[in-house]
Amino acid sequence: MASAPRPRPPNFTLSEQWVLMAATIFVCGFLGYVVYDAVMATASEMLQRLLVISPLILIISVHWLSSGSQFSIPIPGSEPGAIHRAGGSPWGVAFVLLLLFFLISYQPSLLGFIF
């Protein structure tokens, strides 16, 4: 009984294996960098939005923690005599922070608009 000749697996030399390994590492590294760059761009956009909203979240959380267990956001002027009390609500501080953020972030376009 004659057996069929077995095909030999291709023999790569050591230099061919190194070139193939280096090319694979280079391609994987490049693709990893592209994915990393996209993920970091998305994360920075989301973090920027969080940093914009964080002063307002901080003011609301401090007010909530100082007022007790119930969550209520007082509207200025809703109670009689509320304007005469010292240390009312933090809405004025929140408004000033938002105004400062707006003025700082749009400073170049506002300077071009004014002058």
PDB file of N, CA and C in Angstrom:
ATOM      1  N   MET A   1       0.823  -1.149   0.000  1.00  0.00           N
ATOM      2  CA  MET A   1       0.000   0.000   0.000  1.00  0.00           C
ATOM      3  C   MET A   1       0.885   1.235   0.000  1.00  0.00           C
ATOM      4  N   ALA A   2       0.601   2.074  -0.947  1.00  0.00           N
ATOM      5  CA  ALA A   2       1.409   3.289  -1.074  1.00  0.00           C
ATOM      6  C   ALA A   2       0.687   4.448  -0.414  1.00  0.00           C
ATOM      7  N   SER A   3       1.396   5.142   0.379  1.00  0.00           N
ATOM      8  CA  SER A   3       0.773   6.303   1.029  1.00  0.00           C
ATOM      9  C   SER A   3       1.062   7.552   0.212  1.00  0.00           C
ATOM     10  N   ALA A   4       0.084   8.448   0.248  1.00  0.00           N
ATOM     11  CA  ALA A   4       0.235   9.693  -0.510  1.00  0.00           C
ATOM     12  C   ALA A   4       1.276  10.572   0.182  1.00  0.00           C
ATOM     13  N   PRO A   5       2.050  11.268  -0.597  1.00  0.00           N
ATOM     14  CA  PRO A   5       3.066  12.128   0.030  1.00  0.00           C
ATOM     15  C   PRO A   5       2.392  13.288   0.790  1.00  0.00           C
ATOM     16  N   ARG A   6       2.866  13.499   1.967  1.00  0.00           N
ATOM     17  CA  ARG A   6       2.298  14.580   2.781  1.00  0.00           C
ATOM     18  C   ARG A   6       2.907  15.919   2.353  1.00  0.00           C
ATOM     19  N   PRO A   7       2.028  16.929   2.271  1.00  0.00           N
ATOM     20  CA  PRO A   7       2.600  18.241   1.934  1.00  0.00           C
ATOM     21  C   PRO A   7       3.354  18.791   3.142  1.00  0.00           C
ATOM     22  N   ARG A   8       4.514  19.294   2.887  1.00  0.00           N
ATOM     23  CA  ARG A   8       5.332  19.828   3.971  1.00  0.00           C
ATOM     24  C   ARG A   8       4.862  21.234   4.332  1.00  0.00           C
ATOM     25  N   PRO A   9       4.810  21.542   5.603  1.00  0.00           N
ATOM     26  CA  PRO A   9       4.454  22.911   5.972  1.00  0.00           C
ATOM     27  C   PRO A   9       5.542  23.862   5.496  1.00  0.00           C
ATOM     28  N   PRO A  10       5.136  25.070   5.129  1.00  0.00           N
ATOM     29  CA  PRO A  10       6.161  26.001   4.632  1.00  0.00           C
ATOM     30  C   PRO A  10       7.141  26.350   5.747  1.00  0.00           C
ATOM     31  N   ASN A  11       8.374  26.295   5.409  1.00  0.00           N
ATOM     32  CA  ASN A  11       9.414  26.603   6.388  1.00  0.00           C
ATOM     33  C   ASN A  11       9.799  28.066   6.240  1.00  0.00           C
ATOM     34  N   PHE A  12       9.581  28.814   7.315  1.00  0.00           N
ATOM     35  CA  PHE A  12       9.999  30.205   7.319  1.00  0.00           C
ATOM     36  C   PHE A  12      11.373  30.278   7.973  1.00  0.00           C
ATOM     37  N   THR A  13      12.198  31.064   7.389  1.00  0.00           N
ATOM     38  CA  THR A  13      13.499  31.262   8.012  1.00  0.00           C
ATOM     39  C   THR A  13      13.335  32.211   9.191  1.00  0.00           C
ATOM     40  N   LEU A  14      14.365  32.318   9.977  1.00  0.00           N
ATOM     41  CA  LEU A  14      14.305  33.147  11.172  1.00  0.00           C
ATOM     42  C   LEU A  14      14.102  34.617  10.816  1.00  0.00           C
ATOM     43  N   SER A  15      14.720  35.080   9.760  1.00  0.00           N
ATOM     44  CA  SER A  15      14.567  36.489   9.379  1.00  0.00           C
ATOM     45  C   SER A  15      13.148  36.770   8.879  1.00  0.00           C
ATOM     46  N   GLU A  16      12.549  35.824   8.176  1.00  0.00           N
ATOM     47  CA  GLU A  16      11.166  36.016   7.719  1.00  0.00           C
ATOM     48  C   GLU A  16      10.203  36.042   8.899  1.00  0.00           C
ATOM     49  N   GLN A  17      10.459  35.224   9.897  1.00  0.00           N
ATOM     50  CA  GLN A  17       9.609  35.237  11.087  1.00  0.00           C
ATOM     51  C   GLN A  17       9.718  36.571  11.818  1.00  0.00           C
ATOM     52  N   TRP A  18      10.926  37.120  11.916  1.00  0.00           N
ATOM     53  CA  TRP A  18      11.101  38.410  12.581  1.00  0.00           C
ATOM     54  C   TRP A  18      10.407  39.529  11.815  1.00  0.00           C
ATOM     55  N   VAL A  19      10.488  39.498  10.499  1.00  0.00           N
ATOM     56  CA  VAL A  19       9.821  40.525   9.686  1.00  0.00           C
ATOM     57  C   VAL A  19       8.313  40.413   9.849  1.00  0.00           C
ATOM     58  N   LEU A  20       7.789  39.201   9.830  1.00  0.00           N
ATOM     59  CA  LEU A  20       6.350  39.000  10.005  1.00  0.00           C
ATOM     60  C   LEU A  20       5.906  39.449  11.396  1.00  0.00           C
ATOM     61  N   MET A  21       6.692  39.143  12.425  1.00  0.00           N
ATOM     62  CA  MET A  21       6.347  39.560  13.782  1.00  0.00           C
ATOM     63  C   MET A  21       6.418  41.083  13.915  1.00  0.00           C
ATOM     64  N   ALA A  22       7.420  41.704  13.332  1.00  0.00           N
ATOM     65  CA  ALA A  22       7.556  43.161  13.412  1.00  0.00           C
ATOM     66  C   ALA A  22       6.406  43.851  12.682  1.00  0.00           C
ATOM     67  N   ALA A  23       6.007  43.328  11.528  1.00  0.00           N
ATOM     68  CA  ALA A  23       4.886  43.915  10.793  1.00  0.00           C
ATOM     69  C   ALA A  23       3.586  43.770  11.571  1.00  0.00           C
ATOM     70  N   THR A  24       3.393  42.617  12.208  1.00  0.00           N
ATOM     71  CA  THR A  24       2.182  42.405  13.012  1.00  0.00           C
ATOM     72  C   THR A  24       2.150  43.358  14.202  1.00  0.00           C
ATOM     73  N   ILE A  25       3.266  43.527  14.877  1.00  0.00           N
ATOM     74  CA  ILE A  25       3.327  44.444  16.020  1.00  0.00           C
ATOM     75  C   ILE A  25       3.089  45.875  15.566  1.00  0.00           C
ATOM     76  N   PHE A  26       3.655  46.263  14.431  1.00  0.00           N
ATOM     77  CA  PHE A  26       3.461  47.618  13.916  1.00  0.00           C
ATOM     78  C   PHE A  26       1.997  47.880  13.579  1.00  0.00           C
ATOM     79  N   VAL A  27       1.344  46.942  12.904  1.00  0.00           N
ATOM     80  CA  VAL A  27      -0.069  47.114  12.539  1.00  0.00           C
ATOM     81  C   VAL A  27      -0.939  47.168  13.792  1.00  0.00           C
ATOM     82  N   CYS A  28      -0.695  46.277  14.742  1.00  0.00           N
ATOM     83  CA  CYS A  28      -1.480  46.295  15.986  1.00  0.00           C
ATOM     84  C   CYS A  28      -1.241  47.580  16.772  1.00  0.00           C
ATOM     85  N   GLY A  29      -0.021  48.052  16.801  1.00  0.00           N
ATOM     86  CA  GLY A  29       0.277  49.305  17.493  1.00  0.00           C
ATOM     87  C   GLY A  29      -0.400  50.493  16.841  1.00  0.00           C
ATOM     88  N   PHE A  30      -0.396  50.542  15.514  1.00  0.00           N
ATOM     89  CA  PHE A  30      -1.047  51.645  14.803  1.00  0.00           C
ATOM     90  C   PHE A  30      -2.552  51.622  15.030  1.00  0.00           C
ATOM     91  N   LEU A  31      -3.168  50.448  14.940  1.00  0.00           N
ATOM     92  CA  LEU A  31      -4.608  50.352  15.180  1.00  0.00           C
ATOM     93  C   LEU A  31      -4.947  50.683  16.633  1.00  0.00           C
ATOM     94  N   GLY A  32      -4.112  50.264  17.556  1.00  0.00           N
ATOM     95  CA  GLY A  32      -4.331  50.614  18.958  1.00  0.00           C
ATOM     96  C   GLY A  32      -4.247  52.110  19.191  1.00  0.00           C
ATOM     97  N   TYR A  33      -3.314  52.781  18.507  1.00  0.00           N
ATOM     98  CA  TYR A  33      -3.202  54.232  18.641  1.00  0.00           C
ATOM     99  C   TYR A  33      -4.426  54.934  18.079  1.00  0.00           C
ATOM    100  N   VAL A  34      -4.936  54.467  16.947  1.00  0.00           N
ATOM    101  CA  VAL A  34      -6.122  55.087  16.348  1.00  0.00           C
ATOM    102  C   VAL A  34      -7.324  54.940  17.280  1.00  0.00           C
ATOM    103  N   VAL A  35      -7.504  53.761  17.839  1.00  0.00           N
ATOM    104  CA  VAL A  35      -8.619  53.539  18.764  1.00  0.00           C
ATOM    105  C   VAL A  35      -8.424  54.370  20.030  1.00  0.00           C
ATOM    106  N   TYR A  36      -7.196  54.432  20.550  1.00  0.00           N
ATOM    107  CA  TYR A  36      -6.899  55.221  21.747  1.00  0.00           C
ATOM    108  C   TYR A  36      -7.189  56.695  21.506  1.00  0.00           C
ATOM    109  N   ASP A  37      -6.814  57.202  20.340  1.00  0.00           N
ATOM    110  CA  ASP A  37      -7.050  58.610  20.024  1.00  0.00           C
ATOM    111  C   ASP A  37      -8.543  58.912  19.971  1.00  0.00           C
ATOM    112  N   ALA A  38      -9.327  58.034  19.373  1.00  0.00           N
ATOM    113  CA  ALA A  38     -10.774  58.252  19.301  1.00  0.00           C
ATOM    114  C   ALA A  38     -11.416  58.188  20.685  1.00  0.00           C
ATOM    115  N   VAL A  39     -10.994  57.245  21.498  1.00  0.00           N
ATOM    116  CA  VAL A  39     -11.551  57.120  22.849  1.00  0.00           C
ATOM    117  C   VAL A  39     -11.190  58.339  23.691  1.00  0.00           C
ATOM    118  N   MET A  40      -9.961  58.809  23.598  1.00  0.00           N
ATOM    119  CA  MET A  40      -9.550  59.970  24.381  1.00  0.00           C
ATOM    120  C   MET A  40     -10.255  61.241  23.920  1.00  0.00           C
ATOM    121  N   ALA A  41     -10.524  61.384  22.622  1.00  0.00           N
ATOM    122  CA  ALA A  41     -11.260  62.556  22.146  1.00  0.00           C
ATOM    123  C   ALA A  41     -12.681  62.551  22.693  1.00  0.00           C
ATOM    124  N   THR A  42     -13.324  61.400  22.668  1.00  0.00           N
ATOM    125  CA  THR A  42     -14.683  61.297  23.210  1.00  0.00           C
ATOM    126  C   THR A  42     -14.689  61.544  24.715  1.00  0.00           C
ATOM    127  N   ALA A  43     -13.723  60.989  25.415  1.00  0.00           N
ATOM    128  CA  ALA A  43     -13.659  61.179  26.869  1.00  0.00           C
ATOM    129  C   ALA A  43     -13.402  62.639  27.223  1.00  0.00           C
ATOM    130  N   SER A  44     -12.574  63.323  26.450  1.00  0.00           N
ATOM    131  CA  SER A  44     -12.310  64.731  26.759  1.00  0.00           C
ATOM    132  C   SER A  44     -13.540  65.592  26.510  1.00  0.00           C
ATOM    133  N   GLU A  45     -14.329  65.272  25.480  1.00  0.00           N
ATOM    134  CA  GLU A  45     -15.572  66.013  25.248  1.00  0.00           C
ATOM    135  C   GLU A  45     -16.549  65.802  26.401  1.00  0.00           C
ATOM    136  N   MET A  46     -16.672  64.571  26.864  1.00  0.00           N
ATOM    137  CA  MET A  46     -17.590  64.290  27.962  1.00  0.00           C
ATOM    138  C   MET A  46     -17.103  64.934  29.260  1.00  0.00           C
ATOM    139  N   LEU A  47     -15.797  64.922  29.496  1.00  0.00           N
ATOM    140  CA  LEU A  47     -15.256  65.541  30.694  1.00  0.00           C
ATOM    141  C   LEU A  47     -15.415  67.051  30.650  1.00  0.00           C
ATOM    142  N   GLN A  48     -15.298  67.631  29.458  1.00  0.00           N
ATOM    143  CA  GLN A  48     -15.481  69.071  29.332  1.00  0.00           C
ATOM    144  C   GLN A  48     -16.908  69.459  29.700  1.00  0.00           C
ATOM    145  N   ARG A  49     -17.875  68.682  29.259  1.00  0.00           N
ATOM    146  CA  ARG A  49     -19.267  68.960  29.616  1.00  0.00           C
ATOM    147  C   ARG A  49     -19.494  68.799  31.114  1.00  0.00           C
ATOM    148  N   LEU A  50     -18.859  67.807  31.706  1.00  0.00           N
ATOM    149  CA  LEU A  50     -18.990  67.611  33.149  1.00  0.00           C
ATOM    150  C   LEU A  50     -18.376  68.778  33.916  1.00  0.00           C
ATOM    151  N   LEU A  51     -17.241  69.272  33.454  1.00  0.00           N
ATOM    152  CA  LEU A  51     -16.611  70.404  34.119  1.00  0.00           C
ATOM    153  C   LEU A  51     -17.437  71.675  33.987  1.00  0.00           C
ATOM    154  N   VAL A  52     -18.185  71.796  32.913  1.00  0.00           N
ATOM    155  CA  VAL A  52     -19.046  72.967  32.744  1.00  0.00           C
ATOM    156  C   VAL A  52     -20.191  72.922  33.746  1.00  0.00           C
ATOM    157  N   ILE A  53     -20.749  71.753  33.967  1.00  0.00           N
ATOM    158  CA  ILE A  53     -21.929  71.617  34.819  1.00  0.00           C
ATOM    159  C   ILE A  53     -21.553  71.437  36.292  1.00  0.00           C
ATOM    160  N   SER A  54     -20.308  71.117  36.585  1.00  0.00           N
ATOM    161  CA  SER A  54     -19.925  70.788  37.960  1.00  0.00           C
ATOM    162  C   SER A  54     -20.168  71.903  38.979  1.00  0.00           C
ATOM    163  N   PRO A  55     -19.976  73.192  38.690  1.00  0.00           N
ATOM    164  CA  PRO A  55     -20.297  74.189  39.724  1.00  0.00           C
ATOM    165  C   PRO A  55     -21.771  74.180  40.107  1.00  0.00           C
ATOM    166  N   LEU A  56     -22.638  74.018  39.137  1.00  0.00           N
ATOM    167  CA  LEU A  56     -24.069  73.976  39.432  1.00  0.00           C
ATOM    168  C   LEU A  56     -24.418  72.727  40.242  1.00  0.00           C
ATOM    169  N   ILE A  57     -23.841  71.599  39.886  1.00  0.00           N
ATOM    170  CA  ILE A  57     -24.083  70.365  40.642  1.00  0.00           C
ATOM    171  C   ILE A  57     -23.559  70.510  42.070  1.00  0.00           C
ATOM    172  N   LEU A  58     -22.408  71.144  42.221  1.00  0.00           N
ATOM    173  CA  LEU A  58     -21.842  71.352  43.551  1.00  0.00           C
ATOM    174  C   LEU A  58     -22.732  72.257  44.400  1.00  0.00           C
ATOM    175  N   ILE A  59     -23.241  73.321  43.826  1.00  0.00           N
ATOM    176  CA  ILE A  59     -24.106  74.235  44.578  1.00  0.00           C
ATOM    177  C   ILE A  59     -25.397  73.544  44.987  1.00  0.00           C
ATOM    178  N   ILE A  60     -25.999  72.804  44.073  1.00  0.00           N
ATOM    179  CA  ILE A  60     -27.249  72.107  44.395  1.00  0.00           C
ATOM    180  C   ILE A  60     -27.009  71.032  45.453  1.00  0.00           C
ATOM    181  N   SER A  61     -25.896  70.304  45.360  1.00  0.00           N
ATOM    182  CA  SER A  61     -25.644  69.254  46.353  1.00  0.00           C
ATOM    183  C   SER A  61     -25.349  69.843  47.733  1.00  0.00           C
ATOM    184  N   VAL A  62     -24.622  70.957  47.800  1.00  0.00           N
ATOM    185  CA  VAL A  62     -24.366  71.587  49.099  1.00  0.00           C
ATOM    186  C   VAL A  62     -25.664  72.101  49.695  1.00  0.00           C
ATOM    187  N   HIS A  63     -26.517  72.688  48.874  1.00  0.00           N
ATOM    188  CA  HIS A  63     -27.807  73.172  49.371  1.00  0.00           C
ATOM    189  C   HIS A  63     -28.668  72.013  49.870  1.00  0.00           C
ATOM    190  N   TRP A  64     -28.665  70.917  49.126  1.00  0.00           N
ATOM    191  CA  TRP A  64     -29.462  69.755  49.512  1.00  0.00           C
ATOM    192  C   TRP A  64     -28.953  69.149  50.821  1.00  0.00           C
ATOM    193  N   LEU A  65     -27.630  69.071  50.958  1.00  0.00           N
ATOM    194  CA  LEU A  65     -27.071  68.502  52.184  1.00  0.00           C
ATOM    195  C   LEU A  65     -27.283  69.418  53.390  1.00  0.00           C
ATOM    196  N   SER A  66     -27.311  70.719  53.172  1.00  0.00           N
ATOM    197  CA  SER A  66     -27.474  71.625  54.306  1.00  0.00           C
ATOM    198  C   SER A  66     -28.930  71.817  54.703  1.00  0.00           C
ATOM    199  N   SER A  67     -29.867  71.523  53.793  1.00  0.00           N
ATOM    200  CA  SER A  67     -31.277  71.751  54.111  1.00  0.00           C
ATOM    201  C   SER A  67     -31.926  70.563  54.803  1.00  0.00           C
ATOM    202  N   GLY A  68     -31.309  69.447  54.839  1.00  0.00           N
ATOM    203  CA  GLY A  68     -31.899  68.275  55.480  1.00  0.00           C
ATOM    204  C   GLY A  68     -32.089  67.160  54.471  1.00  0.00           C
ATOM    205  N   SER A  69     -33.068  66.317  54.743  1.00  0.00           N
ATOM    206  CA  SER A  69     -33.240  65.134  53.908  1.00  0.00           C
ATOM    207  C   SER A  69     -34.121  65.367  52.696  1.00  0.00           C
ATOM    208  N   GLN A  70     -34.958  66.374  52.713  1.00  0.00           N
ATOM    209  CA  GLN A  70     -35.844  66.577  51.562  1.00  0.00           C
ATOM    210  C   GLN A  70     -35.132  67.405  50.503  1.00  0.00           C
ATOM    211  N   PHE A  71     -35.456  67.133  49.258  1.00  0.00           N
ATOM    212  CA  PHE A  71     -34.832  67.831  48.137  1.00  0.00           C
ATOM    213  C   PHE A  71     -35.794  68.890  47.632  1.00  0.00           C
ATOM    214  N   SER A  72     -35.460  70.128  47.883  1.00  0.00           N
ATOM    215  CA  SER A  72     -36.289  71.224  47.390  1.00  0.00           C
ATOM    216  C   SER A  72     -35.376  72.323  46.882  1.00  0.00           C
ATOM    217  N   ILE A  73     -35.726  72.851  45.732  1.00  0.00           N
ATOM    218  CA  ILE A  73     -34.964  73.949  45.158  1.00  0.00           C
ATOM    219  C   ILE A  73     -35.815  75.204  45.296  1.00  0.00           C
ATOM    220  N   PRO A  74     -35.451  76.093  46.200  1.00  0.00           N
ATOM    221  CA  PRO A  74     -36.263  77.290  46.380  1.00  0.00           C
ATOM    222  C   PRO A  74     -36.081  78.261  45.221  1.00  0.00           C
ATOM    223  N   ILE A  75     -37.169  78.857  44.820  1.00  0.00           N
ATOM    224  CA  ILE A  75     -37.134  79.869  43.776  1.00  0.00           C
ATOM    225  C   ILE A  75     -37.104  81.218  44.474  1.00  0.00           C
ATOM    226  N   PRO A  76     -36.137  82.070  44.146  1.00  0.00           N
ATOM    227  CA  PRO A  76     -36.042  83.350  44.840  1.00  0.00           C
ATOM    228  C   PRO A  76     -37.304  84.179  44.646  1.00  0.00           C
ATOM    229  N   GLY A  77     -37.801  84.742  45.737  1.00  0.00           N
ATOM    230  CA  GLY A  77     -38.983  85.586  45.677  1.00  0.00           C
ATOM    231  C   GLY A  77     -40.282  84.834  45.813  1.00  0.00           C
ATOM    232  N   SER A  78     -40.230  83.524  46.020  1.00  0.00           N
ATOM    233  CA  SER A  78     -41.467  82.755  46.118  1.00  0.00           C
ATOM    234  C   SER A  78     -42.089  82.856  47.501  1.00  0.00           C
ATOM    235  N   GLU A  79     -41.279  83.172  48.506  1.00  0.00           N
ATOM    236  CA  GLU A  79     -41.791  83.301  49.868  1.00  0.00           C
ATOM    237  C   GLU A  79     -41.882  84.783  50.229  1.00  0.00           C
ATOM    238  N   PRO A  80     -42.883  85.156  51.014  1.00  0.00           N
ATOM    239  CA  PRO A  80     -42.940  86.555  51.443  1.00  0.00           C
ATOM    240  C   PRO A  80     -41.799  86.868  52.405  1.00  0.00           C
ATOM    241  N   GLY A  81     -41.143  87.959  52.183  1.00  0.00           N
ATOM    242  CA  GLY A  81     -40.030  88.369  53.029  1.00  0.00           C
ATOM    243  C   GLY A  81     -38.742  87.626  52.740  1.00  0.00           C
ATOM    244  N   ALA A  82     -38.684  86.863  51.666  1.00  0.00           N
ATOM    245  CA  ALA A  82     -37.481  86.091  51.363  1.00  0.00           C
ATOM    246  C   ALA A  82     -36.333  86.993  50.945  1.00  0.00           C
ATOM    247  N   ILE A  83     -36.649  88.135  50.386  1.00  0.00           N
ATOM    248  CA  ILE A  83     -35.595  89.030  49.922  1.00  0.00           C
ATOM    249  C   ILE A  83     -34.878  89.710  51.077  1.00  0.00           C
ATOM    250  N   HIS A  84     -35.529  89.790  52.237  1.00  0.00           N
ATOM    251  CA  HIS A  84     -34.935  90.489  53.368  1.00  0.00           C
ATOM    252  C   HIS A  84     -34.093  89.573  54.254  1.00  0.00           C
ATOM    253  N   ARG A  85     -34.141  88.271  54.016  1.00  0.00           N
ATOM    254  CA  ARG A  85     -33.341  87.344  54.810  1.00  0.00           C
ATOM    255  C   ARG A  85     -31.898  87.355  54.326  1.00  0.00           C
ATOM    256  N   ALA A  86     -30.976  87.251  55.251  1.00  0.00           N
ATOM    257  CA  ALA A  86     -29.566  87.193  54.874  1.00  0.00           C
ATOM    258  C   ALA A  86     -29.208  85.752  54.537  1.00  0.00           C
ATOM    259  N   GLY A  87     -28.378  85.578  53.525  1.00  0.00           N
ATOM    260  CA  GLY A  87     -27.929  84.240  53.152  1.00  0.00           C
ATOM    261  C   GLY A  87     -29.026  83.412  52.539  1.00  0.00           C
ATOM    262  N   GLY A  88     -29.704  83.939  51.532  1.00  0.00           N
ATOM    263  CA  GLY A  88     -30.797  83.236  50.870  1.00  0.00           C
ATOM    264  C   GLY A  88     -30.310  82.010  50.128  1.00  0.00           C
ATOM    265  N   SER A  89     -30.682  81.876  48.886  1.00  0.00           N
ATOM    266  CA  SER A  89     -30.327  80.682  48.126  1.00  0.00           C
ATOM    267  C   SER A  89     -29.056  80.925  47.318  1.00  0.00           C
ATOM    268  N   PRO A  90     -28.409  79.864  46.859  1.00  0.00           N
ATOM    269  CA  PRO A  90     -27.162  80.015  46.109  1.00  0.00           C
ATOM    270  C   PRO A  90     -27.378  80.278  44.618  1.00  0.00           C
ATOM    271  N   TRP A  91     -28.564  80.674  44.217  1.00  0.00           N
ATOM    272  CA  TRP A  91     -28.830  80.878  42.794  1.00  0.00           C
ATOM    273  C   TRP A  91     -28.058  82.066  42.233  1.00  0.00           C
ATOM    274  N   GLY A  92     -27.810  83.071  43.058  1.00  0.00           N
ATOM    275  CA  GLY A  92     -27.007  84.203  42.590  1.00  0.00           C
ATOM    276  C   GLY A  92     -25.581  83.786  42.284  1.00  0.00           C
ATOM    277  N   VAL A  93     -25.022  82.949  43.139  1.00  0.00           N
ATOM    278  CA  VAL A  93     -23.662  82.451  42.912  1.00  0.00           C
ATOM    279  C   VAL A  93     -23.625  81.583  41.658  1.00  0.00           C
ATOM    280  N   ALA A  94     -24.645  80.758  41.479  1.00  0.00           N
ATOM    281  CA  ALA A  94     -24.701  79.911  40.285  1.00  0.00           C
ATOM    282  C   ALA A  94     -24.810  80.767  39.032  1.00  0.00           C
ATOM    283  N   PHE A  95     -25.608  81.821  39.091  1.00  0.00           N
ATOM    284  CA  PHE A  95     -25.754  82.701  37.931  1.00  0.00           C
ATOM    285  C   PHE A  95     -24.436  83.403  37.616  1.00  0.00           C
ATOM    286  N   VAL A  96     -23.737  83.869  38.634  1.00  0.00           N
ATOM    287  CA  VAL A  96     -22.451  84.538  38.413  1.00  0.00           C
ATOM    288  C   VAL A  96     -21.435  83.563  37.832  1.00  0.00           C
ATOM    289  N   LEU A  97     -21.406  82.331  38.331  1.00  0.00           N
ATOM    290  CA  LEU A  97     -20.484  81.329  37.784  1.00  0.00           C
ATOM    291  C   LEU A  97     -20.792  81.022  36.329  1.00  0.00           C
ATOM    292  N   LEU A  98     -22.064  80.878  35.998  1.00  0.00           N
ATOM    293  CA  LEU A  98     -22.431  80.621  34.604  1.00  0.00           C
ATOM    294  C   LEU A  98     -22.099  81.809  33.714  1.00  0.00           C
ATOM    295  N   LEU A  99     -22.315  83.026  34.210  1.00  0.00           N
ATOM    296  CA  LEU A  99     -21.980  84.217  33.437  1.00  0.00           C
ATOM    297  C   LEU A  99     -20.474  84.311  33.215  1.00  0.00           C
ATOM    298  N   LEU A 100     -19.687  84.040  34.254  1.00  0.00           N
ATOM    299  CA  LEU A 100     -18.233  84.050  34.099  1.00  0.00           C
ATOM    300  C   LEU A 100     -17.760  82.988  33.119  1.00  0.00           C
ATOM    301  N   PHE A 101     -18.336  81.798  33.199  1.00  0.00           N
ATOM    302  CA  PHE A 101     -17.960  80.746  32.256  1.00  0.00           C
ATOM    303  C   PHE A 101     -18.289  81.154  30.828  1.00  0.00           C
ATOM    304  N   PHE A 102     -19.451  81.743  30.624  1.00  0.00           N
ATOM    305  CA  PHE A 102     -19.851  82.184  29.288  1.00  0.00           C
ATOM    306  C   PHE A 102     -18.894  83.252  28.771  1.00  0.00           C
ATOM    307  N   LEU A 103     -18.562  84.221  29.606  1.00  0.00           N
ATOM    308  CA  LEU A 103     -17.680  85.300  29.172  1.00  0.00           C
ATOM    309  C   LEU A 103     -16.268  84.802  28.890  1.00  0.00           C
ATOM    310  N   ILE A 104     -15.792  83.856  29.685  1.00  0.00           N
ATOM    311  CA  ILE A 104     -14.447  83.332  29.458  1.00  0.00           C
ATOM    312  C   ILE A 104     -14.400  82.456  28.214  1.00  0.00           C
ATOM    313  N   SER A 105     -15.404  81.618  28.018  1.00  0.00           N
ATOM    314  CA  SER A 105     -15.358  80.685  26.890  1.00  0.00           C
ATOM    315  C   SER A 105     -15.599  81.375  25.554  1.00  0.00           C
ATOM    316  N   TYR A 106     -16.369  82.455  25.531  1.00  0.00           N
ATOM    317  CA  TYR A 106     -16.646  83.149  24.277  1.00  0.00           C
ATOM    318  C   TYR A 106     -15.904  84.474  24.183  1.00  0.00           C
ATOM    319  N   GLN A 107     -14.803  84.626  24.902  1.00  0.00           N
ATOM    320  CA  GLN A 107     -14.070  85.879  24.918  1.00  0.00           C
ATOM    321  C   GLN A 107     -13.570  86.290  23.534  1.00  0.00           C
ATOM    322  N   PRO A 108     -12.941  85.408  22.734  1.00  0.00           N
ATOM    323  CA  PRO A 108     -12.468  85.862  21.423  1.00  0.00           C
ATOM    324  C   PRO A 108     -13.603  86.314  20.506  1.00  0.00           C
ATOM    325  N   SER A 109     -14.713  85.597  20.503  1.00  0.00           N
ATOM    326  CA  SER A 109     -15.805  85.997  19.618  1.00  0.00           C
ATOM    327  C   SER A 109     -16.490  87.257  20.129  1.00  0.00           C
ATOM    328  N   LEU A 110     -16.549  87.451  21.459  1.00  0.00           N
ATOM    329  CA  LEU A 110     -17.141  88.677  21.994  1.00  0.00           C
ATOM    330  C   LEU A 110     -16.252  89.883  21.711  1.00  0.00           C
ATOM    331  N   LEU A 111     -14.933  89.709  21.775  1.00  0.00           N
ATOM    332  CA  LEU A 111     -14.034  90.813  21.451  1.00  0.00           C
ATOM    333  C   LEU A 111     -14.162  91.207  19.988  1.00  0.00           C
ATOM    334  N   GLY A 112     -14.313  90.220  19.110  1.00  0.00           N
ATOM    335  CA  GLY A 112     -14.521  90.518  17.697  1.00  0.00           C
ATOM    336  C   GLY A 112     -15.862  91.179  17.445  1.00  0.00           C
ATOM    337  N   PHE A 113     -16.848  90.851  18.247  1.00  0.00           N
ATOM    338  CA  PHE A 113     -18.184  91.424  18.082  1.00  0.00           C
ATOM    339  C   PHE A 113     -18.233  92.862  18.599  1.00  0.00           C
ATOM    340  N   ILE A 114     -17.546  93.130  19.708  1.00  0.00           N
ATOM    341  CA  ILE A 114     -17.578  94.461  20.310  1.00  0.00           C
ATOM    342  C   ILE A 114     -16.697  95.430  19.533  1.00  0.00           C
ATOM    343  N   PHE A 115     -15.477  95.021  19.202  1.00  0.00           N
ATOM    344  CA  PHE A 115     -14.548  95.939  18.543  1.00  0.00           C
ATOM    345  C   PHE A 115     -14.558  95.733  17.069  1.00  0.00           C
TER     346      PHE A 115
END
